Amino acid sequence: MDINDLRAIATVMLFVAFIAIVVWAYSGKRKQAFDEAALLAVGEDDEVKRGGKVGQ
């Protein structure tokens, strides 16, 4: 086993990890959590403009 074999194994492992992250990110189970996270920055600005405390 030489350095090229190790590089090939590392490349395959990183590709598998990338595919796993993509599947996790686009899975239907995570949609609601991502939608809520997308609105966090907008929701804080609205609270400040209305005079409310941030984080309520």
PDB file of N, CA and C in Angstrom:
ATOM      1  N   MET A   1       0.856  -1.175   0.000  1.00  0.00           N
ATOM      2  CA  MET A   1       0.000   0.000   0.000  1.00  0.00           C
ATOM      3  C   MET A   1       0.903   1.239   0.000  1.00  0.00           C
ATOM      4  N   ASP A   2       0.726   2.064  -1.014  1.00  0.00           N
ATOM      5  CA  ASP A   2       1.523   3.277  -1.092  1.00  0.00           C
ATOM      6  C   ASP A   2       0.637   4.509  -0.875  1.00  0.00           C
ATOM      7  N   ILE A   3       1.223   5.677  -1.060  1.00  0.00           N
ATOM      8  CA  ILE A   3       0.528   6.930  -0.773  1.00  0.00           C
ATOM      9  C   ILE A   3      -0.682   7.130  -1.684  1.00  0.00           C
ATOM     10  N   ASN A   4      -0.611   6.633  -2.912  1.00  0.00           N
ATOM     11  CA  ASN A   4      -1.728   6.792  -3.838  1.00  0.00           C
ATOM     12  C   ASN A   4      -2.949   5.993  -3.390  1.00  0.00           C
ATOM     13  N   ASP A   5      -2.730   4.839  -2.783  1.00  0.00           N
ATOM     14  CA  ASP A   5      -3.839   4.063  -2.239  1.00  0.00           C
ATOM     15  C   ASP A   5      -4.503   4.819  -1.086  1.00  0.00           C
ATOM     16  N   LEU A   6      -3.704   5.424  -0.231  1.00  0.00           N
ATOM     17  CA  LEU A   6      -4.252   6.210   0.879  1.00  0.00           C
ATOM     18  C   LEU A   6      -5.027   7.420   0.375  1.00  0.00           C
ATOM     19  N   ARG A   7      -4.519   8.048  -0.665  1.00  0.00           N
ATOM     20  CA  ARG A   7      -5.223   9.193  -1.250  1.00  0.00           C
ATOM     21  C   ARG A   7      -6.563   8.760  -1.848  1.00  0.00           C
ATOM     22  N   ALA A   8      -6.581   7.625  -2.503  1.00  0.00           N
ATOM     23  CA  ALA A   8      -7.820   7.115  -3.088  1.00  0.00           C
ATOM     24  C   ALA A   8      -8.838   6.792  -1.995  1.00  0.00           C
ATOM     25  N   ILE A   9      -8.394   6.165  -0.926  1.00  0.00           N
ATOM     26  CA  ILE A   9      -9.287   5.833   0.186  1.00  0.00           C
ATOM     27  C   ILE A   9      -9.822   7.113   0.823  1.00  0.00           C
ATOM     28  N   ALA A  10      -8.966   8.090   1.023  1.00  0.00           N
ATOM     29  CA  ALA A  10      -9.395   9.358   1.619  1.00  0.00           C
ATOM     30  C   ALA A  10     -10.400  10.062   0.711  1.00  0.00           C
ATOM     31  N   THR A  11     -10.180  10.030  -0.582  1.00  0.00           N
ATOM     32  CA  THR A  11     -11.108  10.659  -1.523  1.00  0.00           C
ATOM     33  C   THR A  11     -12.478   9.995  -1.470  1.00  0.00           C
ATOM     34  N   VAL A  12     -12.503   8.682  -1.456  1.00  0.00           N
ATOM     35  CA  VAL A  12     -13.775   7.956  -1.395  1.00  0.00           C
ATOM     36  C   VAL A  12     -14.489   8.243  -0.076  1.00  0.00           C
ATOM     37  N   MET A  13     -13.760   8.264   1.021  1.00  0.00           N
ATOM     38  CA  MET A  13     -14.375   8.537   2.328  1.00  0.00           C
ATOM     39  C   MET A  13     -14.959   9.953   2.386  1.00  0.00           C
ATOM     40  N   LEU A  14     -14.247  10.922   1.850  1.00  0.00           N
ATOM     41  CA  LEU A  14     -14.747  12.293   1.835  1.00  0.00           C
ATOM     42  C   LEU A  14     -15.962  12.439   0.922  1.00  0.00           C
ATOM     43  N   PHE A  15     -15.958  11.723  -0.192  1.00  0.00           N
ATOM     44  CA  PHE A  15     -17.112  11.758  -1.081  1.00  0.00           C
ATOM     45  C   PHE A  15     -18.337  11.152  -0.401  1.00  0.00           C
ATOM     46  N   VAL A  16     -18.163  10.062   0.309  1.00  0.00           N
ATOM     47  CA  VAL A  16     -19.267   9.441   1.042  1.00  0.00           C
ATOM     48  C   VAL A  16     -19.782  10.395   2.123  1.00  0.00           C
ATOM     49  N   ALA A  17     -18.884  11.079   2.826  1.00  0.00           N
ATOM     50  CA  ALA A  17     -19.294  12.042   3.845  1.00  0.00           C
ATOM     51  C   ALA A  17     -20.067  13.200   3.207  1.00  0.00           C
ATOM     52  N   PHE A  18     -19.632  13.668   2.064  1.00  0.00           N
ATOM     53  CA  PHE A  18     -20.325  14.745   1.355  1.00  0.00           C
ATOM     54  C   PHE A  18     -21.733  14.320   0.968  1.00  0.00           C
ATOM     55  N   ILE A  19     -21.870  13.134   0.417  1.00  0.00           N
ATOM     56  CA  ILE A  19     -23.184  12.633   0.025  1.00  0.00           C
ATOM     57  C   ILE A  19     -24.084  12.486   1.254  1.00  0.00           C
ATOM     58  N   ALA A  20     -23.531  12.021   2.367  1.00  0.00           N
ATOM     59  CA  ALA A  20     -24.321  11.877   3.596  1.00  0.00           C
ATOM     60  C   ALA A  20     -24.824  13.236   4.081  1.00  0.00           C
ATOM     61  N   ILE A  21     -24.000  14.261   4.012  1.00  0.00           N
ATOM     62  CA  ILE A  21     -24.411  15.605   4.437  1.00  0.00           C
ATOM     63  C   ILE A  21     -25.495  16.154   3.511  1.00  0.00           C
ATOM     64  N   VAL A  22     -25.361  15.931   2.226  1.00  0.00           N
ATOM     65  CA  VAL A  22     -26.377  16.398   1.276  1.00  0.00           C
ATOM     66  C   VAL A  22     -27.705  15.702   1.535  1.00  0.00           C
ATOM     67  N   VAL A  23     -27.682  14.394   1.752  1.00  0.00           N
ATOM     68  CA  VAL A  23     -28.915  13.654   2.036  1.00  0.00           C
ATOM     69  C   VAL A  23     -29.540  14.154   3.328  1.00  0.00           C
ATOM     70  N   TRP A  24     -28.732  14.393   4.348  1.00  0.00           N
ATOM     71  CA  TRP A  24     -29.236  14.907   5.632  1.00  0.00           C
ATOM     72  C   TRP A  24     -29.880  16.284   5.449  1.00  0.00           C
ATOM     73  N   ALA A  25     -29.212  17.155   4.691  1.00  0.00           N
ATOM     74  CA  ALA A  25     -29.696  18.523   4.532  1.00  0.00           C
ATOM     75  C   ALA A  25     -31.000  18.581   3.738  1.00  0.00           C
ATOM     76  N   TYR A  26     -31.166  17.705   2.779  1.00  0.00           N
ATOM     77  CA  TYR A  26     -32.353  17.739   1.935  1.00  0.00           C
ATOM     78  C   TYR A  26     -33.431  16.752   2.364  1.00  0.00           C
ATOM     79  N   SER A  27     -33.252  16.096   3.487  1.00  0.00           N
ATOM     80  CA  SER A  27     -34.272  15.152   3.932  1.00  0.00           C
ATOM     81  C   SER A  27     -35.503  15.913   4.420  1.00  0.00           C
ATOM     82  N   GLY A  28     -36.647  15.306   4.285  1.00  0.00           N
ATOM     83  CA  GLY A  28     -37.899  15.936   4.677  1.00  0.00           C
ATOM     84  C   GLY A  28     -38.002  16.150   6.174  1.00  0.00           C
ATOM     85  N   LYS A  29     -37.299  15.358   6.965  1.00  0.00           N
ATOM     86  CA  LYS A  29     -37.342  15.486   8.422  1.00  0.00           C
ATOM     87  C   LYS A  29     -36.768  16.819   8.894  1.00  0.00           C
ATOM     88  N   ARG A  30     -35.814  17.369   8.171  1.00  0.00           N
ATOM     89  CA  ARG A  30     -35.126  18.582   8.586  1.00  0.00           C
ATOM     90  C   ARG A  30     -35.779  19.857   8.062  1.00  0.00           C
ATOM     91  N   LYS A  31     -36.769  19.755   7.184  1.00  0.00           N
ATOM     92  CA  LYS A  31     -37.341  20.936   6.538  1.00  0.00           C
ATOM     93  C   LYS A  31     -37.891  21.936   7.546  1.00  0.00           C
ATOM     94  N   GLN A  32     -38.648  21.485   8.518  1.00  0.00           N
ATOM     95  CA  GLN A  32     -39.241  22.403   9.485  1.00  0.00           C
ATOM     96  C   GLN A  32     -38.161  23.118  10.297  1.00  0.00           C
ATOM     97  N   ALA A  33     -37.136  22.406  10.728  1.00  0.00           N
ATOM     98  CA  ALA A  33     -36.059  23.026  11.502  1.00  0.00           C
ATOM     99  C   ALA A  33     -35.315  24.068  10.673  1.00  0.00           C
ATOM    100  N   PHE A  34     -35.068  23.762   9.401  1.00  0.00           N
ATOM    101  CA  PHE A  34     -34.380  24.721   8.541  1.00  0.00           C
ATOM    102  C   PHE A  34     -35.264  25.930   8.244  1.00  0.00           C
ATOM    103  N   ASP A  35     -36.568  25.716   8.073  1.00  0.00           N
ATOM    104  CA  ASP A  35     -37.472  26.848   7.844  1.00  0.00           C
ATOM    105  C   ASP A  35     -37.507  27.771   9.059  1.00  0.00           C
ATOM    106  N   GLU A  36     -37.537  27.203  10.244  1.00  0.00           N
ATOM    107  CA  GLU A  36     -37.520  28.020  11.467  1.00  0.00           C
ATOM    108  C   GLU A  36     -36.202  28.772  11.601  1.00  0.00           C
ATOM    109  N   ALA A  37     -35.105  28.121  11.286  1.00  0.00           N
ATOM    110  CA  ALA A  37     -33.794  28.765  11.376  1.00  0.00           C
ATOM    111  C   ALA A  37     -33.679  29.899  10.360  1.00  0.00           C
ATOM    112  N   ALA A  38     -34.292  29.737   9.201  1.00  0.00           N
ATOM    113  CA  ALA A  38     -34.236  30.777   8.178  1.00  0.00           C
ATOM    114  C   ALA A  38     -34.952  32.042   8.624  1.00  0.00           C
ATOM    115  N   LEU A  39     -35.926  31.908   9.501  1.00  0.00           N
ATOM    116  CA  LEU A  39     -36.692  33.069   9.956  1.00  0.00           C
ATOM    117  C   LEU A  39     -36.147  33.707  11.229  1.00  0.00           C
ATOM    118  N   LEU A  40     -35.124  33.145  11.821  1.00  0.00           N
ATOM    119  CA  LEU A  40     -34.612  33.681  13.079  1.00  0.00           C
ATOM    120  C   LEU A  40     -34.131  35.118  12.956  1.00  0.00           C
ATOM    121  N   ALA A  41     -33.353  35.403  11.950  1.00  0.00           N
ATOM    122  CA  ALA A  41     -32.809  36.760  11.802  1.00  0.00           C
ATOM    123  C   ALA A  41     -33.922  37.767  11.525  1.00  0.00           C
ATOM    124  N   VAL A  42     -34.909  37.400  10.750  1.00  0.00           N
ATOM    125  CA  VAL A  42     -36.010  38.294  10.420  1.00  0.00           C
ATOM    126  C   VAL A  42     -36.885  38.530  11.646  1.00  0.00           C
ATOM    127  N   GLY A  43     -37.141  37.494  12.409  1.00  0.00           N
ATOM    128  CA  GLY A  43     -38.002  37.614  13.582  1.00  0.00           C
ATOM    129  C   GLY A  43     -37.426  38.523  14.643  1.00  0.00           C
ATOM    130  N   GLU A  44     -36.123  38.513  14.828  1.00  0.00           N
ATOM    131  CA  GLU A  44     -35.508  39.381  15.836  1.00  0.00           C
ATOM    132  C   GLU A  44     -35.643  40.842  15.450  1.00  0.00           C
ATOM    133  N   ASP A  45     -35.492  41.174  14.192  1.00  0.00           N
ATOM    134  CA  ASP A  45     -35.634  42.560  13.754  1.00  0.00           C
ATOM    135  C   ASP A  45     -37.055  43.050  13.966  1.00  0.00           C
ATOM    136  N   ASP A  46     -38.028  42.205  13.698  1.00  0.00           N
ATOM    137  CA  ASP A  46     -39.420  42.599  13.887  1.00  0.00           C
ATOM    138  C   ASP A  46     -39.714  42.879  15.356  1.00  0.00           C
ATOM    139  N   GLU A  47     -39.176  42.083  16.263  1.00  0.00           N
ATOM    140  CA  GLU A  47     -39.406  42.289  17.693  1.00  0.00           C
ATOM    141  C   GLU A  47     -38.804  43.617  18.152  1.00  0.00           C
ATOM    142  N   VAL A  48     -37.626  43.946  17.657  1.00  0.00           N
ATOM    143  CA  VAL A  48     -36.965  45.189  18.065  1.00  0.00           C
ATOM    144  C   VAL A  48     -37.761  46.389  17.560  1.00  0.00           C
ATOM    145  N   LYS A  49     -38.273  46.324  16.323  1.00  0.00           N
ATOM    146  CA  LYS A  49     -39.034  47.432  15.766  1.00  0.00           C
ATOM    147  C   LYS A  49     -40.339  47.654  16.530  1.00  0.00           C
ATOM    148  N   ARG A  50     -40.948  46.590  17.039  1.00  0.00           N
ATOM    149  CA  ARG A  50     -42.191  46.710  17.778  1.00  0.00           C
ATOM    150  C   ARG A  50     -41.967  47.093  19.237  1.00  0.00           C
ATOM    151  N   GLY A  51     -40.741  47.155  19.672  1.00  0.00           N
ATOM    152  CA  GLY A  51     -40.438  47.533  21.030  1.00  0.00           C
ATOM    153  C   GLY A  51     -40.378  46.377  22.003  1.00  0.00           C
ATOM    154  N   GLY A  52     -40.456  45.175  21.490  1.00  0.00           N
ATOM    155  CA  GLY A  52     -40.382  43.997  22.355  1.00  0.00           C
ATOM    156  C   GLY A  52     -38.958  43.614  22.629  1.00  0.00           C
ATOM    157  N   LYS A  53     -38.785  42.704  23.569  1.00  0.00           N
ATOM    158  CA  LYS A  53     -37.444  42.226  23.874  1.00  0.00           C
ATOM    159  C   LYS A  53     -37.069  41.115  22.918  1.00  0.00           C
ATOM    160  N   VAL A  54     -35.809  41.082  22.570  1.00  0.00           N
ATOM    161  CA  VAL A  54     -35.308  40.021  21.694  1.00  0.00           C
ATOM    162  C   VAL A  54     -35.206  38.751  22.517  1.00  0.00           C
ATOM    163  N   GLY A  55     -35.639  37.638  21.932  1.00  0.00           N
ATOM    164  CA  GLY A  55     -35.515  36.359  22.596  1.00  0.00           C
ATOM    165  C   GLY A  55     -36.769  35.893  23.311  1.00  0.00           C
ATOM    166  N   GLN A  56     -37.839  36.656  23.226  1.00  0.00           N
ATOM    167  CA  GLN A  56     -39.091  36.240  23.865  1.00  0.00           C
ATOM    168  C   GLN A  56     -39.855  35.323  22.982  1.00  0.00           C
TER     169      GLN A  56
END
